[in-house]
PDB file of N, CA and C in Angstrom:
ATOM      1  N   MET A   1       0.842  -1.165   0.000  1.00  0.00           N
ATOM      2  CA  MET A   1       0.000   0.000   0.000  1.00  0.00           C
ATOM      3  C   MET A   1       0.892   1.235   0.000  1.00  0.00           C
ATOM      4  N   ALA A   2       0.615   2.142  -0.897  1.00  0.00           N
ATOM      5  CA  ALA A   2       1.396   3.370  -1.001  1.00  0.00           C
ATOM      6  C   ALA A   2       1.034   4.327   0.136  1.00  0.00           C
ATOM      7  N   LYS A   3       2.026   5.061   0.592  1.00  0.00           N
ATOM      8  CA  LYS A   3       1.791   6.032   1.657  1.00  0.00           C
ATOM      9  C   LYS A   3       0.930   7.156   1.096  1.00  0.00           C
ATOM     10  N   LEU A   4      -0.070   7.551   1.839  1.00  0.00           N
ATOM     11  CA  LEU A   4      -0.989   8.584   1.417  1.00  0.00           C
ATOM     12  C   LEU A   4      -0.660   9.863   2.176  1.00  0.00           C
ATOM     13  N   THR A   5      -0.154  10.850   1.462  1.00  0.00           N
ATOM     14  CA  THR A   5       0.193  12.124   2.096  1.00  0.00           C
ATOM     15  C   THR A   5      -1.072  12.943   2.318  1.00  0.00           C
ATOM     16  N   ALA A   6      -0.968  13.976   3.150  1.00  0.00           N
ATOM     17  CA  ALA A   6      -2.117  14.836   3.427  1.00  0.00           C
ATOM     18  C   ALA A   6      -2.598  15.532   2.159  1.00  0.00           C
ATOM     19  N   ALA A   7      -1.657  15.981   1.334  1.00  0.00           N
ATOM     20  CA  ALA A   7      -2.031  16.659   0.083  1.00  0.00           C
ATOM     21  C   ALA A   7      -2.747  15.692  -0.863  1.00  0.00           C
ATOM     22  N   ALA A   8      -2.239  14.482  -0.975  1.00  0.00           N
ATOM     23  CA  ALA A   8      -2.870  13.483  -1.844  1.00  0.00           C
ATOM     24  C   ALA A   8      -4.237  13.093  -1.306  1.00  0.00           C
ATOM     25  N   ARG A   9      -4.373  13.013   0.003  1.00  0.00           N
ATOM     26  CA  ARG A   9      -5.652  12.662   0.626  1.00  0.00           C
ATOM     27  C   ARG A   9      -6.715  13.718   0.336  1.00  0.00           C
ATOM     28  N   ARG A  10      -6.315  15.000   0.358  1.00  0.00           N
ATOM     29  CA  ARG A  10      -7.256  16.088   0.071  1.00  0.00           C
ATOM     30  C   ARG A  10      -7.754  16.035  -1.372  1.00  0.00           C
ATOM     31  N   LYS A  11      -6.944  15.501  -2.284  1.00  0.00           N
ATOM     32  CA  LYS A  11      -7.321  15.435  -3.696  1.00  0.00           C
ATOM     33  C   LYS A  11      -8.285  14.286  -4.007  1.00  0.00           C
ATOM     34  N   ILE A  12      -8.404  13.329  -3.098  1.00  0.00           N
ATOM     35  CA  ILE A  12      -9.290  12.180  -3.315  1.00  0.00           C
ATOM     36  C   ILE A  12     -10.741  12.653  -3.187  1.00  0.00           C
ATOM     37  N   PRO A  13     -11.604  12.283  -4.136  1.00  0.00           N
ATOM     38  CA  PRO A  13     -13.021  12.677  -4.026  1.00  0.00           C
ATOM     39  C   PRO A  13     -13.670  12.074  -2.781  1.00  0.00           C
ATOM     40  N   THR A  14     -14.635  12.778  -2.239  1.00  0.00           N
ATOM     41  CA  THR A  14     -15.321  12.328  -1.019  1.00  0.00           C
ATOM     42  C   THR A  14     -15.965  10.957  -1.203  1.00  0.00           C
ATOM     43  N   GLY A  15     -16.390  10.641  -2.406  1.00  0.00           N
ATOM     44  CA  GLY A  15     -17.009   9.334  -2.674  1.00  0.00           C
ATOM     45  C   GLY A  15     -16.043   8.167  -2.574  1.00  0.00           C
ATOM     46  N   SER A  16     -14.754   8.453  -2.511  1.00  0.00           N
ATOM     47  CA  SER A  16     -13.753   7.382  -2.396  1.00  0.00           C
ATOM     48  C   SER A  16     -13.334   7.136  -0.952  1.00  0.00           C
ATOM     49  N   PHE A  17     -14.168   7.539  -0.020  1.00  0.00           N
ATOM     50  CA  PHE A  17     -13.954   7.251   1.397  1.00  0.00           C
ATOM     51  C   PHE A  17     -15.129   6.417   1.877  1.00  0.00           C
ATOM     52  N   ALA A  18     -14.864   5.417   2.700  1.00  0.00           N
ATOM     53  CA  ALA A  18     -15.921   4.516   3.143  1.00  0.00           C
ATOM     54  C   ALA A  18     -16.518   4.924   4.480  1.00  0.00           C
ATOM     55  N   GLY A  19     -15.823   5.735   5.247  1.00  0.00           N
ATOM     56  CA  GLY A  19     -16.295   6.109   6.574  1.00  0.00           C
ATOM     57  C   GLY A  19     -16.735   7.555   6.655  1.00  0.00           C
ATOM     58  N   PRO A  20     -17.231   7.944   7.813  1.00  0.00           N
ATOM     59  CA  PRO A  20     -17.659   9.325   8.003  1.00  0.00           C
ATOM     60  C   PRO A  20     -16.455  10.266   8.087  1.00  0.00           C
ATOM     61  N   ASP A  21     -16.685  11.523   7.766  1.00  0.00           N
ATOM     62  CA  ASP A  21     -15.654  12.555   7.864  1.00  0.00           C
ATOM     63  C   ASP A  21     -14.397  12.203   7.070  1.00  0.00           C
ATOM     64  N   ARG A  22     -14.591  11.637   5.884  1.00  0.00           N
ATOM     65  CA  ARG A  22     -13.485  11.276   4.986  1.00  0.00           C
ATOM     66  C   ARG A  22     -12.494  10.312   5.646  1.00  0.00           C
ATOM     67  N   SER A  23     -13.027   9.355   6.377  1.00  0.00           N
ATOM     68  CA  SER A  23     -12.167   8.323   6.970  1.00  0.00           C
ATOM     69  C   SER A  23     -12.232   7.065   6.114  1.00  0.00           C
ATOM     70  N   TYR A  24     -11.272   6.197   6.261  1.00  0.00           N
ATOM     71  CA  TYR A  24     -11.164   4.938   5.527  1.00  0.00           C
ATOM     72  C   TYR A  24     -11.146   5.164   4.012  1.00  0.00           C
ATOM     73  N   PRO A  25     -10.051   5.725   3.469  1.00  0.00           N
ATOM     74  CA  PRO A  25      -9.971   5.927   2.021  1.00  0.00           C
ATOM     75  C   PRO A  25      -9.940   4.588   1.281  1.00  0.00           C
ATOM     76  N   ILE A  26     -10.653   4.528   0.166  1.00  0.00           N
ATOM     77  CA  ILE A  26     -10.710   3.293  -0.634  1.00  0.00           C
ATOM     78  C   ILE A  26     -10.496   3.610  -2.108  1.00  0.00           C
ATOM     79  N   GLU A  27      -9.527   4.474  -2.418  1.00  0.00           N
ATOM     80  CA  GLU A  27      -9.316   4.864  -3.815  1.00  0.00           C
ATOM     81  C   GLU A  27      -8.698   3.758  -4.645  1.00  0.00           C
ATOM     82  N   ASP A  28      -8.047   2.780  -4.018  1.00  0.00           N
ATOM     83  CA  ASP A  28      -7.528   1.631  -4.758  1.00  0.00           C
ATOM     84  C   ASP A  28      -7.753   0.376  -3.914  1.00  0.00           C
ATOM     85  N   MET A  29      -7.487  -0.779  -4.515  1.00  0.00           N
ATOM     86  CA  MET A  29      -7.776  -2.039  -3.838  1.00  0.00           C
ATOM     87  C   MET A  29      -6.945  -2.227  -2.566  1.00  0.00           C
ATOM     88  N   SER A  30      -5.726  -1.765  -2.589  1.00  0.00           N
ATOM     89  CA  SER A  30      -4.861  -1.893  -1.426  1.00  0.00           C
ATOM     90  C   SER A  30      -5.426  -1.115  -0.235  1.00  0.00           C
ATOM     91  N   HIS A  31      -5.857   0.126  -0.482  1.00  0.00           N
ATOM     92  CA  HIS A  31      -6.429   0.929   0.592  1.00  0.00           C
ATOM     93  C   HIS A  31      -7.790   0.370   1.035  1.00  0.00           C
ATOM     94  N   ALA A  32      -8.532  -0.221   0.096  1.00  0.00           N
ATOM     95  CA  ALA A  32      -9.821  -0.816   0.448  1.00  0.00           C
ATOM     96  C   ALA A  32      -9.627  -2.004   1.396  1.00  0.00           C
ATOM     97  N   ARG A  33      -8.640  -2.851   1.118  1.00  0.00           N
ATOM     98  CA  ARG A  33      -8.362  -3.981   2.012  1.00  0.00           C
ATOM     99  C   ARG A  33      -7.912  -3.475   3.387  1.00  0.00           C
ATOM    100  N   ASN A  34      -7.109  -2.418   3.379  1.00  0.00           N
ATOM    101  CA  ASN A  34      -6.657  -1.835   4.638  1.00  0.00           C
ATOM    102  C   ASN A  34      -7.845  -1.263   5.418  1.00  0.00           C
ATOM    103  N   ALA A  35      -8.779  -0.623   4.729  1.00  0.00           N
ATOM    104  CA  ALA A  35      -9.964  -0.079   5.394  1.00  0.00           C
ATOM    105  C   ALA A  35     -10.764  -1.200   6.060  1.00  0.00           C
ATOM    106  N   LEU A  36     -10.904  -2.336   5.377  1.00  0.00           N
ATOM    107  CA  LEU A  36     -11.617  -3.474   5.967  1.00  0.00           C
ATOM    108  C   LEU A  36     -10.899  -3.985   7.219  1.00  0.00           C
ATOM    109  N   SER A  37      -9.581  -4.031   7.156  1.00  0.00           N
ATOM    110  CA  SER A  37      -8.809  -4.504   8.308  1.00  0.00           C
ATOM    111  C   SER A  37      -8.947  -3.561   9.487  1.00  0.00           C
ATOM    112  N   ARG A  38      -8.799  -2.252   9.230  1.00  0.00           N
ATOM    113  CA  ARG A  38      -8.852  -1.271  10.318  1.00  0.00           C
ATOM    114  C   ARG A  38     -10.236  -1.202  10.949  1.00  0.00           C
ATOM    115  N   VAL A  39     -11.286  -1.225  10.118  1.00  0.00           N
ATOM    116  CA  VAL A  39     -12.627  -1.119  10.681  1.00  0.00           C
ATOM    117  C   VAL A  39     -12.989  -2.380  11.464  1.00  0.00           C
ATOM    118  N   SER A  40     -12.469  -3.528  11.062  1.00  0.00           N
ATOM    119  CA  SER A  40     -12.759  -4.745  11.825  1.00  0.00           C
ATOM    120  C   SER A  40     -12.079  -4.709  13.186  1.00  0.00           C
ATOM    121  N   GLN A  41     -10.973  -3.985  13.305  1.00  0.00           N
ATOM    122  CA  GLN A  41     -10.279  -3.854  14.584  1.00  0.00           C
ATOM    123  C   GLN A  41     -10.904  -2.802  15.488  1.00  0.00           C
ATOM    124  N   HIS A  42     -11.319  -1.677  14.904  1.00  0.00           N
ATOM    125  CA  HIS A  42     -11.668  -0.524  15.730  1.00  0.00           C
ATOM    126  C   HIS A  42     -13.069   0.027  15.532  1.00  0.00           C
ATOM    127  N   GLY A  43     -13.828  -0.497  14.597  1.00  0.00           N
ATOM    128  CA  GLY A  43     -15.125   0.098  14.288  1.00  0.00           C
ATOM    129  C   GLY A  43     -16.276  -0.520  15.050  1.00  0.00           C
ATOM    130  N   SER A  44     -17.355   0.255  15.156  1.00  0.00           N
ATOM    131  CA  SER A  44     -18.589  -0.259  15.751  1.00  0.00           C
ATOM    132  C   SER A  44     -19.261  -1.178  14.728  1.00  0.00           C
ATOM    133  N   ALA A  45     -20.277  -1.893  15.153  1.00  0.00           N
ATOM    134  CA  ALA A  45     -20.977  -2.806  14.244  1.00  0.00           C
ATOM    135  C   ALA A  45     -21.589  -2.040  13.074  1.00  0.00           C
ATOM    136  N   GLU A  46     -22.143  -0.874  13.346  1.00  0.00           N
ATOM    137  CA  GLU A  46     -22.753  -0.059  12.295  1.00  0.00           C
ATOM    138  C   GLU A  46     -21.705   0.442  11.303  1.00  0.00           C
ATOM    139  N   LEU A  47     -20.566   0.897  11.807  1.00  0.00           N
ATOM    140  CA  LEU A  47     -19.502   1.386  10.940  1.00  0.00           C
ATOM    141  C   LEU A  47     -18.906   0.251  10.115  1.00  0.00           C
ATOM    142  N   LYS A  48     -18.749  -0.929  10.723  1.00  0.00           N
ATOM    143  CA  LYS A  48     -18.231  -2.085   9.986  1.00  0.00           C
ATOM    144  C   LYS A  48     -19.131  -2.400   8.799  1.00  0.00           C
ATOM    145  N   ALA A  49     -20.430  -2.413   9.032  1.00  0.00           N
ATOM    146  CA  ALA A  49     -21.383  -2.723   7.960  1.00  0.00           C
ATOM    147  C   ALA A  49     -21.316  -1.678   6.854  1.00  0.00           C
ATOM    148  N   ARG A  50     -21.196  -0.418   7.237  1.00  0.00           N
ATOM    149  CA  ARG A  50     -21.142   0.670   6.258  1.00  0.00           C
ATOM    150  C   ARG A  50     -19.879   0.587   5.394  1.00  0.00           C
ATOM    151  N   VAL A  51     -18.733   0.366   6.037  1.00  0.00           N
ATOM    152  CA  VAL A  51     -17.468   0.302   5.309  1.00  0.00           C
ATOM    153  C   VAL A  51     -17.428  -0.934   4.419  1.00  0.00           C
ATOM    154  N   ARG A  52     -17.849  -2.079   4.935  1.00  0.00           N
ATOM    155  CA  ARG A  52     -17.852  -3.305   4.130  1.00  0.00           C
ATOM    156  C   ARG A  52     -18.738  -3.157   2.899  1.00  0.00           C
ATOM    157  N   ALA A  53     -19.916  -2.552   3.074  1.00  0.00           N
ATOM    158  CA  ALA A  53     -20.828  -2.377   1.945  1.00  0.00           C
ATOM    159  C   ALA A  53     -20.217  -1.467   0.885  1.00  0.00           C
ATOM    160  N   LYS A  54     -19.603  -0.388   1.321  1.00  0.00           N
ATOM    161  CA  LYS A  54     -19.008   0.557   0.369  1.00  0.00           C
ATOM    162  C   LYS A  54     -17.825  -0.076  -0.373  1.00  0.00           C
ATOM    163  N   VAL A  55     -16.993  -0.823   0.359  1.00  0.00           N
ATOM    164  CA  VAL A  55     -15.844  -1.479  -0.273  1.00  0.00           C
ATOM    165  C   VAL A  55     -16.327  -2.517  -1.278  1.00  0.00           C
ATOM    166  N   ARG A  56     -17.299  -3.317  -0.910  1.00  0.00           N
ATOM    167  CA  ARG A  56     -17.785  -4.369  -1.807  1.00  0.00           C
ATOM    168  C   ARG A  56     -18.521  -3.802  -3.009  1.00  0.00           C
ATOM    169  N   ARG A  57     -19.113  -2.621  -2.848  1.00  0.00           N
ATOM    170  CA  ARG A  57     -19.773  -1.974  -3.980  1.00  0.00           C
ATOM    171  C   ARG A  57     -18.728  -1.479  -4.988  1.00  0.00           C
ATOM    172  N   LYS A  58     -17.621  -0.945  -4.477  1.00  0.00           N
ATOM    173  CA  LYS A  58     -16.583  -0.417  -5.368  1.00  0.00           C
ATOM    174  C   LYS A  58     -15.662  -1.516  -5.897  1.00  0.00           C
ATOM    175  N   PHE A  59     -15.354  -2.504  -5.058  1.00  0.00           N
ATOM    176  CA  PHE A  59     -14.461  -3.610  -5.433  1.00  0.00           C
ATOM    177  C   PHE A  59     -15.158  -4.934  -5.141  1.00  0.00           C
ATOM    178  N   PRO A  60     -16.077  -5.386  -6.001  1.00  0.00           N
ATOM    179  CA  PRO A  60     -16.823  -6.621  -5.725  1.00  0.00           C
ATOM    180  C   PRO A  60     -15.938  -7.854  -5.621  1.00  0.00           C
ATOM    181  N   GLU A  61     -14.767  -7.834  -6.258  1.00  0.00           N
ATOM    182  CA  GLU A  61     -13.891  -9.008  -6.206  1.00  0.00           C
ATOM    183  C   GLU A  61     -13.291  -9.220  -4.817  1.00  0.00           C
ATOM    184  N   ILE A  62     -13.256  -8.197  -3.978  1.00  0.00           N
ATOM    185  CA  ILE A  62     -12.737  -8.362  -2.616  1.00  0.00           C
ATOM    186  C   ILE A  62     -13.697  -9.204  -1.789  1.00  0.00           C
ATOM    187  N   GLY A  63     -14.976  -9.038  -1.982  1.00  0.00           N
ATOM    188  CA  GLY A  63     -15.958  -9.747  -1.181  1.00  0.00           C
ATOM    189  C   GLY A  63     -16.241 -11.163  -1.623  1.00  0.00           C
ATOM    190  N   GLN A  64     -15.713 -11.576  -2.765  1.00  0.00           N
ATOM    191  CA  GLN A  64     -15.985 -12.922  -3.251  1.00  0.00           C
ATOM    192  C   GLN A  64     -15.175 -13.939  -2.475  1.00  0.00           C
ATOM    193  N   GLN A  65     -15.821 -15.013  -2.094  1.00  0.00           N
ATOM    194  CA  GLN A  65     -15.119 -16.087  -1.412  1.00  0.00           C
ATOM    195  C   GLN A  65     -14.908 -17.222  -2.400  1.00  0.00           C
ATOM    196  N   LYS A  66     -13.735 -17.803  -2.345  1.00  0.00           N
ATOM    197  CA  LYS A  66     -13.389 -18.902  -3.238  1.00  0.00           C
ATOM    198  C   LYS A  66     -13.043 -20.124  -2.401  1.00  0.00           C
ATOM    199  N   ARG A  67     -13.374 -21.298  -2.920  1.00  0.00           N
ATOM    200  CA  ARG A  67     -13.017 -22.537  -2.233  1.00  0.00           C
ATOM    201  C   ARG A  67     -11.759 -23.085  -2.869  1.00  0.00           C
ATOM    202  N   ARG A  68     -10.784 -23.377  -2.042  1.00  0.00           N
ATOM    203  CA  ARG A  68      -9.542 -23.991  -2.516  1.00  0.00           C
ATOM    204  C   ARG A  68      -9.098 -25.009  -1.491  1.00  0.00           C
ATOM    205  N   GLY A  69      -8.974 -26.220  -1.910  1.00  0.00           N
ATOM    206  CA  GLY A  69      -8.460 -27.256  -1.026  1.00  0.00           C
ATOM    207  C   GLY A  69      -9.273 -27.447   0.243  1.00  0.00           C
ATOM    208  N   GLY A  70     -10.574 -27.176   0.189  1.00  0.00           N
ATOM    209  CA  GLY A  70     -11.416 -27.384   1.347  1.00  0.00           C
ATOM    210  C   GLY A  70     -11.455 -26.198   2.300  1.00  0.00           C
ATOM    211  N   SER A  71     -10.698 -25.159   2.042  1.00  0.00           N
ATOM    212  CA  SER A  71     -10.706 -23.982   2.902  1.00  0.00           C
ATOM    213  C   SER A  71     -11.293 -22.801   2.146  1.00  0.00           C
ATOM    214  N   VAL A  72     -11.935 -21.909   2.867  1.00  0.00           N
ATOM    215  CA  VAL A  72     -12.514 -20.727   2.249  1.00  0.00           C
ATOM    216  C   VAL A  72     -11.555 -19.567   2.447  1.00  0.00           C
ATOM    217  N   VAL A  73     -11.248 -18.898   1.363  1.00  0.00           N
ATOM    218  CA  VAL A  73     -10.353 -17.751   1.420  1.00  0.00           C
ATOM    219  C   VAL A  73     -10.996 -16.578   0.699  1.00  0.00           C
ATOM    220  N   GLU A  74     -10.616 -15.372   1.043  1.00  0.00           N
ATOM    221  CA  GLU A  74     -11.137 -14.193   0.373  1.00  0.00           C
ATOM    222  C   GLU A  74     -10.107 -13.663  -0.601  1.00  0.00           C
ATOM    223  N   GLY A  75     -10.163 -14.101  -1.845  1.00  0.00           N
ATOM    224  CA  GLY A  75      -9.352 -13.547  -2.897  1.00  0.00           C
ATOM    225  C   GLY A  75      -7.851 -13.729  -2.772  1.00  0.00           C
ATOM    226  N   LYS A  76      -7.367 -14.547  -1.862  1.00  0.00           N
ATOM    227  CA  LYS A  76      -5.933 -14.753  -1.699  1.00  0.00           C
ATOM    228  C   LYS A  76      -5.621 -16.238  -1.782  1.00  0.00           C
ATOM    229  N   PRO A  77      -4.498 -16.604  -2.370  1.00  0.00           N
ATOM    230  CA  PRO A  77      -4.127 -18.021  -2.369  1.00  0.00           C
ATOM    231  C   PRO A  77      -3.750 -18.472  -0.969  1.00  0.00           C
ATOM    232  N   LEU A  78      -3.985 -19.727  -0.692  1.00  0.00           N
ATOM    233  CA  LEU A  78      -3.635 -20.263   0.621  1.00  0.00           C
ATOM    234  C   LEU A  78      -2.132 -20.375   0.780  1.00  0.00           C
ATOM    235  N   LYS A  79      -1.650 -20.110   1.957  1.00  0.00           N
ATOM    236  CA  LYS A  79      -0.245 -20.354   2.280  1.00  0.00           C
ATOM    237  C   LYS A  79      -0.235 -21.593   3.164  1.00  0.00           C
ATOM    238  N   HIS A  80       0.360 -22.631   2.677  1.00  0.00           N
ATOM    239  CA  HIS A  80       0.360 -23.879   3.418  1.00  0.00           C
ATOM    240  C   HIS A  80       1.425 -23.847   4.502  1.00  0.00           C
ATOM    241  N   ARG A  81       1.022 -24.256   5.684  1.00  0.00           N
ATOM    242  CA  ARG A  81       1.982 -24.324   6.778  1.00  0.00           C
ATOM    243  C   ARG A  81       2.850 -25.553   6.596  1.00  0.00           C
ATOM    244  N   LEU A  82       4.079 -25.414   6.989  1.00  0.00           N
ATOM    245  CA  LEU A  82       4.988 -26.550   6.899  1.00  0.00           C
ATOM    246  C   LEU A  82       4.688 -27.552   7.998  1.00  0.00           C
ATOM    247  N   ASP A  83       4.852 -28.780   7.678  1.00  0.00           N
ATOM    248  CA  ASP A  83       4.702 -29.839   8.659  1.00  0.00           C
ATOM    249  C   ASP A  83       5.790 -29.679   9.717  1.00  0.00           C
ATOM    250  N   ARG A  84       5.524 -30.128  10.924  1.00  0.00           N
ATOM    251  CA  ARG A  84       6.510 -29.976  12.010  1.00  0.00           C
ATOM    252  C   ARG A  84       7.843 -30.625  11.661  1.00  0.00           C
ATOM    253  N   ARG A  85       7.801 -31.707  10.887  1.00  0.00           N
ATOM    254  CA  ARG A  85       9.056 -32.370  10.520  1.00  0.00           C
ATOM    255  C   ARG A  85       9.950 -31.452   9.696  1.00  0.00           C
ATOM    256  N   HIS A  86       9.342 -30.637   8.873  1.00  0.00           N
ATOM    257  CA  HIS A  86      10.108 -29.743   8.012  1.00  0.00           C
ATOM    258  C   HIS A  86      10.675 -28.546   8.766  1.00  0.00           C
ATOM    259  N   ARG A  87      10.104 -28.273   9.919  1.00  0.00           N
ATOM    260  CA  ARG A  87      10.595 -27.137  10.716  1.00  0.00           C
ATOM    261  C   ARG A  87      11.569 -27.582  11.785  1.00  0.00           C
ATOM    262  N   GLY A  88      11.847 -28.851  11.847  1.00  0.00           N
ATOM    263  CA  GLY A  88      12.787 -29.350  12.835  1.00  0.00           C
ATOM    264  C   GLY A  88      12.147 -29.659  14.177  1.00  0.00           C
ATOM    265  N   GLY A  89      10.799 -29.685  14.237  1.00  0.00           N
ATOM    266  CA  GLY A  89      10.112 -29.925  15.502  1.00  0.00           C
ATOM    267  C   GLY A  89      10.128 -31.395  15.914  1.00  0.00           C
ATOM    268  N   ILE A  90      10.199 -32.320  14.955  1.00  0.00           N
ATOM    269  CA  ILE A  90      10.194 -33.744  15.255  1.00  0.00           C
ATOM    270  C   ILE A  90      11.562 -34.287  14.834  1.00  0.00           C
ATOM    271  N   ARG A  91      12.213 -34.937  15.755  1.00  0.00           N
ATOM    272  CA  ARG A  91      13.537 -35.501  15.446  1.00  0.00           C
ATOM    273  C   ARG A  91      13.390 -36.949  15.049  1.00  0.00           C
ATOM    274  N   PRO A  92      14.100 -37.363  14.006  1.00  0.00           N
ATOM    275  CA  PRO A  92      14.033 -38.776  13.602  1.00  0.00           C
ATOM    276  C   PRO A  92      14.634 -39.672  14.682  1.00  0.00           C
ATOM    277  N   GLU A  93      14.073 -40.849  14.801  1.00  0.00           N
ATOM    278  CA  GLU A  93      14.565 -41.782  15.845  1.00  0.00           C
ATOM    279  C   GLU A  93      15.711 -42.614  15.347  1.00  0.00           C
TER     280      GLU A  93
END
């Protein structure tokens, strides 16, 4: 995600913000994902619903869930965890 300066933020149209008072900028997909992360950490239930709806309206591909290998992921490939043997957790006898 690119750093958003104050001058660049002022140039973003008001419609490209998902929250009140020009909070949670969603001018690109990277900022939209960040807005979803931040609102899930710090937002009220009403604000979460508002931001999620606005992000999904602008970037519908973010809200799509895909099935891969029996797990549900949101638009990202799965990262497989290494087995304990590969991390050195189990010693051969």
